[in-house]
C-alpha atoms as a PDB file:
ATOM      1  CA  MET A   1     -80.409  70.441 160.703  1.00  0.00           C
ATOM      2  CA  PRO A   2     -81.847  68.312 157.964  1.00  0.00           C
ATOM      3  CA  GLU A   3     -79.293  67.900 155.192  1.00  0.00           C
ATOM      4  CA  LEU A   4     -79.687  66.599 151.588  1.00  0.00           C
ATOM      5  CA  PRO A   5     -80.429  62.962 152.429  1.00  0.00           C
ATOM      6  CA  GLU A   6     -83.045  63.954 155.025  1.00  0.00           C
ATOM      7  CA  VAL A   7     -84.738  66.313 152.530  1.00  0.00           C
ATOM      8  CA  GLU A   8     -84.691  63.677 149.801  1.00  0.00           C
ATOM      9  CA  THR A   9     -86.144  61.143 152.182  1.00  0.00           C
ATOM     10  CA  THR A  10     -88.847  63.624 153.224  1.00  0.00           C
ATOM     11  CA  LYS A  11     -89.708  64.331 149.634  1.00  0.00           C
ATOM     12  CA  THR A  12     -90.083  60.622 148.918  1.00  0.00           C
ATOM     13  CA  SER A  13     -92.307  60.122 151.972  1.00  0.00           C
ATOM     14  CA  LEU A  14     -94.627  62.857 150.634  1.00  0.00           C
ATOM     15  CA  LEU A  15     -95.296  61.076 147.341  1.00  0.00           C
ATOM     16  CA  PRO A  16     -98.687  59.661 148.562  1.00  0.00           C
ATOM     17  CA  LEU A  17     -99.922  63.234 148.141  1.00  0.00           C
ATOM     18  CA  LEU A  18     -99.529  63.222 144.378  1.00  0.00           C
ATOM     19  CA  ASN A  19    -102.704  63.735 142.364  1.00  0.00           C
ATOM     20  CA  GLN A  20    -104.673  64.613 145.492  1.00  0.00           C
ATOM     21  CA  GLN A  21    -106.671  67.865 145.560  1.00  0.00           C
ATOM     22  CA  VAL A  22    -106.224  70.425 148.267  1.00  0.00           C
ATOM     23  CA  LEU A  23    -109.507  70.840 150.220  1.00  0.00           C
ATOM     24  CA  LYS A  24    -108.479  73.412 152.857  1.00  0.00           C
ATOM     25  CA  VAL A  25    -105.417  75.360 154.019  1.00  0.00           C
ATOM     26  CA  GLU A  26    -104.898  76.631 157.562  1.00  0.00           C
ATOM     27  CA  VAL A  27    -101.941  78.821 158.619  1.00  0.00           C
ATOM     28  CA  ARG A  28    -101.562  78.730 162.395  1.00  0.00           C
ATOM     29  CA  GLN A  29     -98.292  80.617 162.643  1.00  0.00           C
ATOM     30  CA  PRO A  30     -97.151  82.613 159.636  1.00  0.00           C
ATOM     31  CA  SER A  31     -93.885  83.893 161.115  1.00  0.00           C
ATOM     32  CA  LEU A  32     -91.143  81.545 159.768  1.00  0.00           C
ATOM     33  CA  ARG A  33     -87.794  82.610 158.301  1.00  0.00           C
ATOM     34  CA  TRP A  34     -89.911  84.585 155.857  1.00  0.00           C
ATOM     35  CA  PRO A  35     -93.630  85.103 156.435  1.00  0.00           C
ATOM     36  CA  ILE A  36     -95.907  82.378 154.994  1.00  0.00           C
ATOM     37  CA  PRO A  37     -97.755  84.062 152.058  1.00  0.00           C
ATOM     38  CA  ASP A  38    -101.133  85.372 153.066  1.00  0.00           C
ATOM     39  CA  ASP A  39    -102.793  84.146 149.895  1.00  0.00           C
ATOM     40  CA  LEU A  40    -102.087  80.417 150.505  1.00  0.00           C
ATOM     41  CA  ALA A  41    -105.797  79.757 150.191  1.00  0.00           C
ATOM     42  CA  ARG A  42    -105.410  79.828 146.388  1.00  0.00           C
ATOM     43  CA  LEU A  43    -104.066  76.282 146.674  1.00  0.00           C
ATOM     44  CA  GLN A  44    -107.634  75.112 147.412  1.00  0.00           C
ATOM     45  CA  GLY A  45    -109.016  73.103 144.519  1.00  0.00           C
ATOM     46  CA  GLN A  46    -105.602  72.444 143.021  1.00  0.00           C
ATOM     47  CA  ARG A  47    -104.012  69.029 142.722  1.00  0.00           C
ATOM     48  CA  LEU A  48    -100.393  68.332 143.594  1.00  0.00           C
ATOM     49  CA  ILE A  49     -98.855  67.002 140.451  1.00  0.00           C
ATOM     50  CA  GLN A  50     -95.121  66.835 141.117  1.00  0.00           C
ATOM     51  CA  LEU A  51     -92.524  66.826 143.963  1.00  0.00           C
ATOM     52  CA  THR A  52     -88.901  67.487 143.238  1.00  0.00           C
ATOM     53  CA  ARG A  53     -85.835  68.509 145.267  1.00  0.00           C
ATOM     54  CA  ARG A  54     -83.203  71.202 144.539  1.00  0.00           C
ATOM     55  CA  SER A  55     -80.449  71.322 147.077  1.00  0.00           C
ATOM     56  CA  LYS A  56     -82.332  71.310 150.410  1.00  0.00           C
ATOM     57  CA  TYR A  57     -85.517  72.755 148.962  1.00  0.00           C
ATOM     58  CA  ILE A  58     -88.615  70.705 148.139  1.00  0.00           C
ATOM     59  CA  LEU A  59     -90.439  72.029 145.111  1.00  0.00           C
ATOM     60  CA  ALA A  60     -94.195  71.222 145.222  1.00  0.00           C
ATOM     61  CA  GLN A  61     -95.834  71.763 141.847  1.00  0.00           C
ATOM     62  CA  PHE A  62     -99.597  72.153 141.904  1.00  0.00           C
ATOM     63  CA  GLU A  63    -101.809  72.579 138.873  1.00  0.00           C
ATOM     64  CA  GLN A  64    -101.440  76.355 138.757  1.00  0.00           C
ATOM     65  CA  ASP A  65     -98.774  77.260 141.317  1.00  0.00           C
ATOM     66  CA  THR A  66     -95.490  75.938 142.581  1.00  0.00           C
ATOM     67  CA  MET A  67     -94.271  76.204 146.160  1.00  0.00           C
ATOM     68  CA  LEU A  68     -90.796  76.141 147.640  1.00  0.00           C
ATOM     69  CA  TRP A  69     -90.490  74.381 150.988  1.00  0.00           C
ATOM     70  CA  HIS A  70     -87.428  74.386 153.238  1.00  0.00           C
ATOM     71  CA  LEU A  71     -87.111  72.559 156.538  1.00  0.00           C
ATOM     72  CA  GLY A  72     -84.621  75.039 158.097  1.00  0.00           C
ATOM     73  CA  MET A  73     -82.987  73.949 161.378  1.00  0.00           C
ATOM     74  CA  SER A  74     -85.870  71.954 162.943  1.00  0.00           C
ATOM     75  CA  GLY A  75     -88.689  71.700 160.411  1.00  0.00           C
ATOM     76  CA  SER A  76     -90.542  68.536 159.445  1.00  0.00           C
ATOM     77  CA  PHE A  77     -93.559  67.524 157.448  1.00  0.00           C
ATOM     78  CA  ARG A  78     -95.986  64.891 158.775  1.00  0.00           C
ATOM     79  CA  LEU A  79     -98.850  63.047 157.085  1.00  0.00           C
ATOM     80  CA  CYS A  80    -101.709  62.318 159.486  1.00  0.00           C
ATOM     81  CA  GLU A  81    -105.386  61.944 159.913  1.00  0.00           C
ATOM     82  CA  ALA A  82    -107.436  65.158 160.363  1.00  0.00           C
ATOM     83  CA  ASN A  83    -108.529  64.149 163.846  1.00  0.00           C
ATOM     84  CA  GLU A  84    -104.973  63.636 165.145  1.00  0.00           C
ATOM     85  CA  GLU A  85    -104.127  65.962 168.004  1.00  0.00           C
ATOM     86  CA  LEU A  86    -102.268  69.111 166.946  1.00  0.00           C
ATOM     87  CA  ARG A  87     -98.745  69.711 168.332  1.00  0.00           C
ATOM     88  CA  LYS A  88     -97.565  73.054 169.681  1.00  0.00           C
ATOM     89  CA  HIS A  89     -95.379  73.941 166.722  1.00  0.00           C
ATOM     90  CA  ASP A  90     -97.625  72.771 163.869  1.00  0.00           C
ATOM     91  CA  HIS A  91     -97.670  75.978 161.856  1.00  0.00           C
ATOM     92  CA  LEU A  92     -99.310  74.979 158.598  1.00  0.00           C
ATOM     93  CA  ILE A  93    -102.092  72.484 157.820  1.00  0.00           C
ATOM     94  CA  ILE A  94    -102.994  71.396 154.280  1.00  0.00           C
ATOM     95  CA  GLN A  95    -105.953  69.124 154.027  1.00  0.00           C
ATOM     96  CA  PHE A  96    -105.853  66.879 150.952  1.00  0.00           C
ATOM     97  CA  GLU A  97    -108.627  64.481 149.873  1.00  0.00           C
ATOM     98  CA  GLU A  98    -107.284  61.470 151.716  1.00  0.00           C
ATOM     99  CA  ILE A  99    -104.795  62.762 154.275  1.00  0.00           C
ATOM    100  CA  GLN A 100    -103.594  65.851 156.039  1.00  0.00           C
ATOM    101  CA  LEU A 101    -100.174  67.485 155.702  1.00  0.00           C
ATOM    102  CA  ARG A 102     -98.771  69.367 158.621  1.00  0.00           C
ATOM    103  CA  TYR A 103     -95.580  71.500 158.778  1.00  0.00           C
ATOM    104  CA  HIS A 104     -93.949  71.444 162.252  1.00  0.00           C
ATOM    105  CA  ASP A 105     -91.038  73.747 163.079  1.00  0.00           C
ATOM    106  CA  PRO A 106     -90.127  74.637 166.709  1.00  0.00           C
ATOM    107  CA  ARG A 107     -87.354  77.058 165.754  1.00  0.00           C
ATOM    108  CA  ARG A 108     -89.207  78.492 162.786  1.00  0.00           C
ATOM    109  CA  PHE A 109     -86.153  78.798 160.506  1.00  0.00           C
ATOM    110  CA  GLY A 110     -87.866  76.962 157.637  1.00  0.00           C
ATOM    111  CA  CYS A 111     -89.842  78.552 154.836  1.00  0.00           C
ATOM    112  CA  ILE A 112     -93.046  78.068 152.891  1.00  0.00           C
ATOM    113  CA  LEU A 113     -92.991  80.315 149.852  1.00  0.00           C
ATOM    114  CA  TRP A 114     -94.378  80.584 146.317  1.00  0.00           C
ATOM    115  CA  LEU A 115     -91.774  79.735 143.737  1.00  0.00           C
ATOM    116  CA  ASP A 116     -91.739  82.864 141.641  1.00  0.00           C
ATOM    117  CA  ALA A 117     -89.095  84.930 139.847  1.00  0.00           C
ATOM    118  CA  GLN A 118     -88.084  86.755 143.035  1.00  0.00           C
ATOM    119  CA  SER A 119     -87.610  83.661 145.235  1.00  0.00           C
ATOM    120  CA  GLN A 120     -86.116  81.564 142.511  1.00  0.00           C
ATOM    121  CA  SER A 121     -83.518  84.225 141.687  1.00  0.00           C
ATOM    122  CA  LYS A 122     -82.662  84.745 145.366  1.00  0.00           C
ATOM    123  CA  LEU A 123     -82.630  81.135 146.574  1.00  0.00           C
ATOM    124  CA  ILE A 124     -82.066  78.770 143.587  1.00  0.00           C
ATOM    125  CA  ASP A 125     -80.454  80.437 140.575  1.00  0.00           C
ATOM    126  CA  THR A 126     -76.978  80.859 142.151  1.00  0.00           C
ATOM    127  CA  LEU A 127     -76.749  77.285 143.542  1.00  0.00           C
ATOM    128  CA  GLY A 128     -74.065  74.872 142.412  1.00  0.00           C
ATOM    129  CA  PRO A 129     -74.742  71.480 140.854  1.00  0.00           C
ATOM    130  CA  GLU A 130     -76.493  68.579 142.581  1.00  0.00           C
ATOM    131  CA  PRO A 131     -73.768  66.283 144.103  1.00  0.00           C
ATOM    132  CA  LEU A 132     -75.410  63.091 142.669  1.00  0.00           C
ATOM    133  CA  SER A 133     -75.605  64.519 139.141  1.00  0.00           C
ATOM    134  CA  ASP A 134     -73.175  64.102 136.335  1.00  0.00           C
ATOM    135  CA  ALA A 135     -72.421  67.815 136.477  1.00  0.00           C
ATOM    136  CA  PHE A 136     -70.625  67.231 139.808  1.00  0.00           C
ATOM    137  CA  ASN A 137     -67.431  65.558 138.650  1.00  0.00           C
ATOM    138  CA  ALA A 138     -63.670  65.756 139.228  1.00  0.00           C
ATOM    139  CA  GLU A 139     -63.005  68.170 136.365  1.00  0.00           C
ATOM    140  CA  TYR A 140     -65.659  70.577 137.627  1.00  0.00           C
ATOM    141  CA  LEU A 141     -64.575  70.440 141.284  1.00  0.00           C
ATOM    142  CA  PHE A 142     -60.868  70.757 140.414  1.00  0.00           C
ATOM    143  CA  GLU A 143     -61.626  74.011 138.573  1.00  0.00           C
ATOM    144  CA  LYS A 144     -63.713  75.294 141.421  1.00  0.00           C
ATOM    145  CA  LEU A 145     -61.145  74.495 144.103  1.00  0.00           C
ATOM    146  CA  LYS A 146     -57.887  75.317 142.379  1.00  0.00           C
ATOM    147  CA  ASN A 147     -57.906  78.952 143.575  1.00  0.00           C
ATOM    148  CA  LYS A 148     -59.678  78.423 146.867  1.00  0.00           C
ATOM    149  CA  ASN A 149     -57.510  78.619 149.953  1.00  0.00           C
ATOM    150  CA  VAL A 150     -60.314  78.056 152.413  1.00  0.00           C
ATOM    151  CA  GLY A 151     -60.316  74.613 154.182  1.00  0.00           C
ATOM    152  CA  THR A 152     -61.512  71.753 152.057  1.00  0.00           C
ATOM    153  CA  LYS A 153     -64.471  71.122 154.349  1.00  0.00           C
ATOM    154  CA  VAL A 154     -65.552  74.800 154.079  1.00  0.00           C
ATOM    155  CA  ALA A 155     -65.253  74.625 150.271  1.00  0.00           C
ATOM    156  CA  ILE A 156     -67.326  71.499 149.770  1.00  0.00           C
ATOM    157  CA  MET A 157     -70.014  72.790 152.083  1.00  0.00           C
ATOM    158  CA  ASP A 158     -70.335  76.008 149.966  1.00  0.00           C
ATOM    159  CA  ASN A 159     -73.697  75.756 148.131  1.00  0.00           C
ATOM    160  CA  HIS A 160     -72.218  77.806 145.319  1.00  0.00           C
ATOM    161  CA  VAL A 161     -69.686  75.058 144.693  1.00  0.00           C
ATOM    162  CA  VAL A 162     -71.925  72.050 145.213  1.00  0.00           C
ATOM    163  CA  VAL A 163     -75.298  71.850 146.987  1.00  0.00           C
ATOM    164  CA  GLY A 164     -76.291  69.714 149.944  1.00  0.00           C
ATOM    165  CA  VAL A 165     -72.989  68.468 151.253  1.00  0.00           C
ATOM    166  CA  GLY A 166     -73.706  69.375 154.897  1.00  0.00           C
ATOM    167  CA  ASN A 167     -71.667  69.058 158.002  1.00  0.00           C
ATOM    168  CA  ILE A 168     -72.361  65.311 158.672  1.00  0.00           C
ATOM    169  CA  TYR A 169     -71.671  64.175 155.166  1.00  0.00           C
ATOM    170  CA  ALA A 170     -68.634  66.414 154.554  1.00  0.00           C
ATOM    171  CA  THR A 171     -67.092  65.148 157.822  1.00  0.00           C
ATOM    172  CA  GLU A 172     -67.588  61.515 156.921  1.00  0.00           C
ATOM    173  CA  SER A 173     -66.347  61.946 153.343  1.00  0.00           C
ATOM    174  CA  LEU A 174     -63.130  63.668 154.417  1.00  0.00           C
ATOM    175  CA  PHE A 175     -62.504  61.125 157.150  1.00  0.00           C
ATOM    176  CA  ASN A 176     -62.778  58.262 154.693  1.00  0.00           C
ATOM    177  CA  MET A 177     -60.509  60.030 152.238  1.00  0.00           C
ATOM    178  CA  GLY A 178     -57.819  60.864 154.829  1.00  0.00           C
ATOM    179  CA  ILE A 179     -58.107  64.603 154.114  1.00  0.00           C
ATOM    180  CA  HIS A 180     -57.817  67.067 156.996  1.00  0.00           C
ATOM    181  CA  PRO A 181     -60.906  69.337 157.045  1.00  0.00           C
ATOM    182  CA  ALA A 182     -58.662  72.433 157.203  1.00  0.00           C
ATOM    183  CA  GLN A 183     -56.426  71.321 154.292  1.00  0.00           C
ATOM    184  CA  PRO A 184     -56.486  74.302 151.850  1.00  0.00           C
ATOM    185  CA  ALA A 185     -58.767  73.230 149.004  1.00  0.00           C
ATOM    186  CA  SER A 186     -56.328  74.584 146.418  1.00  0.00           C
ATOM    187  CA  SER A 187     -53.640  72.157 147.588  1.00  0.00           C
ATOM    188  CA  LEU A 188     -55.588  68.999 146.687  1.00  0.00           C
ATOM    189  CA  SER A 189     -54.295  67.077 143.655  1.00  0.00           C
ATOM    190  CA  PHE A 190     -56.626  66.175 140.798  1.00  0.00           C
ATOM    191  CA  GLU A 191     -56.371  62.502 141.940  1.00  0.00           C
ATOM    192  CA  GLN A 192     -57.514  63.464 145.495  1.00  0.00           C
ATOM    193  CA  ILE A 193     -60.422  65.445 144.097  1.00  0.00           C
ATOM    194  CA  GLU A 194     -61.420  62.675 141.812  1.00  0.00           C
ATOM    195  CA  LYS A 195     -61.597  60.240 144.720  1.00  0.00           C
ATOM    196  CA  LEU A 196     -63.334  62.811 146.928  1.00  0.00           C
ATOM    197  CA  VAL A 197     -66.123  63.279 144.355  1.00  0.00           C
ATOM    198  CA  VAL A 198     -66.672  59.492 144.279  1.00  0.00           C
ATOM    199  CA  GLU A 199     -66.726  59.364 148.061  1.00  0.00           C
ATOM    200  CA  ILE A 200     -69.173  62.235 148.476  1.00  0.00           C
ATOM    201  CA  LYS A 201     -71.549  60.543 146.040  1.00  0.00           C
ATOM    202  CA  ARG A 202     -71.223  57.202 147.804  1.00  0.00           C
ATOM    203  CA  ILE A 203     -71.801  58.630 151.319  1.00  0.00           C
ATOM    204  CA  LEU A 204     -74.856  60.602 150.177  1.00  0.00           C
ATOM    205  CA  LYS A 205     -76.357  57.589 148.354  1.00  0.00           C
ATOM    206  CA  GLN A 206     -75.831  55.382 151.392  1.00  0.00           C
ATOM    207  CA  ALA A 207     -77.442  57.992 153.660  1.00  0.00           C
ATOM    208  CA  ILE A 208     -80.461  58.241 151.395  1.00  0.00           C
ATOM    209  CA  ASP A 209     -80.749  54.451 151.288  1.00  0.00           C
ATOM    210  CA  LEU A 210     -80.793  54.465 155.138  1.00  0.00           C
ATOM    211  CA  GLY A 211     -83.427  57.227 155.380  1.00  0.00           C
ATOM    212  CA  GLY A 212     -80.986  59.973 156.413  1.00  0.00           C
ATOM    213  CA  SER A 213     -79.682  60.652 159.964  1.00  0.00           C
ATOM    214  CA  THR A 214     -81.823  61.023 163.036  1.00  0.00           C
ATOM    215  CA  LEU A 215     -79.551  62.779 165.501  1.00  0.00           C
ATOM    216  CA  ARG A 216     -82.261  64.664 167.487  1.00  0.00           C
ATOM    217  CA  ASP A 217     -85.787  64.517 166.369  1.00  0.00           C
ATOM    218  CA  TYR A 218     -85.678  64.136 162.562  1.00  0.00           C
ATOM    219  CA  THR A 219     -88.317  61.808 161.049  1.00  0.00           C
ATOM    220  CA  ASN A 220     -89.712  61.608 157.552  1.00  0.00           C
ATOM    221  CA  ALA A 221     -93.408  62.451 156.832  1.00  0.00           C
ATOM    222  CA  MET A 222     -94.402  58.940 157.915  1.00  0.00           C
ATOM    223  CA  GLY A 223     -92.826  59.383 161.332  1.00  0.00           C
ATOM    224  CA  GLU A 224     -89.909  57.021 160.488  1.00  0.00           C
ATOM    225  CA  ASN A 225     -86.353  57.600 161.802  1.00  0.00           C
ATOM    226  CA  GLY A 226     -83.257  57.526 159.628  1.00  0.00           C
ATOM    227  CA  TYR A 227     -80.486  55.062 160.355  1.00  0.00           C
ATOM    228  CA  PHE A 228     -77.317  56.505 158.780  1.00  0.00           C
ATOM    229  CA  GLN A 229     -76.190  57.815 162.206  1.00  0.00           C
ATOM    230  CA  GLN A 230     -75.481  54.201 163.127  1.00  0.00           C
ATOM    231  CA  THR A 231     -72.682  54.154 160.528  1.00  0.00           C
ATOM    232  CA  LEU A 232     -70.935  57.397 161.549  1.00  0.00           C
ATOM    233  CA  LEU A 233     -67.199  57.016 161.906  1.00  0.00           C
ATOM    234  CA  ALA A 234     -66.145  60.640 162.734  1.00  0.00           C
ATOM    235  CA  TYR A 235     -69.082  63.033 163.032  1.00  0.00           C
ATOM    236  CA  GLY A 236     -70.095  63.581 166.666  1.00  0.00           C
ATOM    237  CA  ARG A 237     -67.279  61.238 167.921  1.00  0.00           C
ATOM    238  CA  ALA A 238     -64.753  63.798 169.194  1.00  0.00           C
ATOM    239  CA  GLY A 239     -62.807  62.366 172.123  1.00  0.00           C
ATOM    240  CA  GLU A 240     -63.437  58.813 171.049  1.00  0.00           C
ATOM    241  CA  MET A 241     -60.934  56.426 169.361  1.00  0.00           C
ATOM    242  CA  CYS A 242     -60.495  56.356 165.602  1.00  0.00           C
ATOM    243  CA  VAL A 243     -61.882  53.151 164.203  1.00  0.00           C
ATOM    244  CA  ASN A 244     -58.789  52.810 161.981  1.00  0.00           C
ATOM    245  CA  CYS A 245     -55.819  53.552 164.205  1.00  0.00           C
ATOM    246  CA  GLU A 246     -57.281  54.135 167.724  1.00  0.00           C
ATOM    247  CA  THR A 247     -55.952  57.707 167.915  1.00  0.00           C
ATOM    248  CA  THR A 248     -58.266  60.032 169.794  1.00  0.00           C
ATOM    249  CA  LEU A 249     -60.478  62.019 167.356  1.00  0.00           C
ATOM    250  CA  GLU A 250     -60.199  65.749 167.711  1.00  0.00           C
ATOM    251  CA  ASN A 251     -62.481  68.645 167.040  1.00  0.00           C
ATOM    252  CA  ILE A 252     -61.753  72.071 165.507  1.00  0.00           C
ATOM    253  CA  LYS A 253     -64.081  74.836 164.356  1.00  0.00           C
ATOM    254  CA  LEU A 254     -64.163  75.705 160.683  1.00  0.00           C
ATOM    255  CA  GLY A 255     -66.563  78.242 159.224  1.00  0.00           C
ATOM    256  CA  GLN A 256     -68.407  78.280 162.585  1.00  0.00           C
ATOM    257  CA  ARG A 257     -69.020  74.507 162.412  1.00  0.00           C
ATOM    258  CA  ALA A 258     -67.557  71.702 164.479  1.00  0.00           C
ATOM    259  CA  SER A 259     -65.157  69.497 162.482  1.00  0.00           C
ATOM    260  CA  VAL A 260     -64.144  66.193 163.882  1.00  0.00           C
ATOM    261  CA  TYR A 261     -61.070  64.469 162.392  1.00  0.00           C
ATOM    262  CA  CYS A 262     -58.326  62.000 163.162  1.00  0.00           C
ATOM    263  CA  PRO A 263     -54.918  63.689 163.497  1.00  0.00           C
ATOM    264  CA  GLU A 264     -53.188  60.465 162.489  1.00  0.00           C
ATOM    265  CA  CYS A 265     -55.313  59.400 159.496  1.00  0.00           C
ATOM    266  CA  GLN A 266     -56.027  62.952 158.325  1.00  0.00           C
ATOM    267  CA  PRO A 267     -52.758  64.840 158.745  1.00  0.00           C
ATOM    268  CA  LEU A 268     -52.690  68.574 157.823  1.00  0.00           C
ATOM    269  CA  LYS A 269     -50.105  68.808 155.034  1.00  0.00           C
ATOM    270  CA  LYS A 270     -47.906  71.926 155.292  1.00  0.00           C
ATOM    271  CA  VAL A 271     -48.658  74.606 152.776  1.00  0.00           C
ATOM    272  CA  LYS A 272     -47.086  78.096 152.822  1.00  0.00           C
ATOM    273  CA  LEU A 273     -49.902  80.647 153.306  1.00  0.00           C
ATOM    274  CA  SER A 274     -49.986  84.224 154.388  1.00  0.00           C
ATOM    275  CA  PRO A 275     -51.801  84.992 157.687  1.00  0.00           C
ATOM    276  CA  LYS A 276     -54.679  86.389 155.640  1.00  0.00           C
ATOM    277  CA  ARG A 277     -55.032  83.156 153.642  1.00  0.00           C
ATOM    278  CA  MET A 278     -54.660  81.059 156.737  1.00  0.00           C
ATOM    279  CA  ALA A 279     -57.545  82.922 158.305  1.00  0.00           C
ATOM    280  CA  ALA A 280     -59.530  82.213 155.148  1.00  0.00           C
ATOM    281  CA  VAL A 281     -58.801  78.496 155.580  1.00  0.00           C
ATOM    282  CA  ARG A 282     -60.650  78.620 158.867  1.00  0.00           C
ATOM    283  CA  GLY A 283     -63.575  80.487 157.321  1.00  0.00           C
ATOM    284  CA  LYS A 284     -62.795  83.689 159.259  1.00  0.00           C
ATOM    285  CA  LYS A 285     -62.164  87.227 158.203  1.00  0.00           C
ATOM    286  CA  SER A 286     -58.627  88.357 158.877  1.00  0.00           C
END
């Protein structure tokens, strides 16, 4: 699933569309996570004037309307010539003056919506701060985590706490910090949280610089792969040796997500918790 670095990289690769006018819109398959609006033709004649990102959403601001785009599990945008052969799962085609934009999504979990009061309130207004912003700092995160007994990995992947720290980048950050993914978030010291914030920012910046991670079929809108996966030290390496101590990396499930860690470098520190709270650590209902 594309995470924040992949979405940021995609947004950047779409910048050639800025100031171009929409000539034609074609919806080939409207059934995504939510149906593509049936009045998308109103984009015709409008110029795209700004592209921004909020969490894993791309906000496309046209002259009169703003759209919210999400890649879901398998979505991708592609810039191409109008005569290029269509692929099976190309669901949306927007013809600009100089190039064509296609949205491709085999699993159809992405979304193409108008950004209005309803969608903004539902999808954006309750989100936490951007991880690369000044608002995401040690003081903020300490206050957010001090009463949370879920595992630290579950906590930092909560979009209400901080947006965009997905499975890959949470796994790598915790590995580099020596924090067990199931360590109750409330048990972390301020010093640990301070260093964790720095590490999350560093990992995400590095991933963006490397174009994100191509683990299956992710490419940006220019068809270019990401290269961060070549630097992975823990994610996807269960059963392999730890690069630091040569202990075999193990895998546990937290919040329905696989979590790879080193039992030697990331020991789980004992904290007295009730069975109900221990279930919460693992992201499960007791």
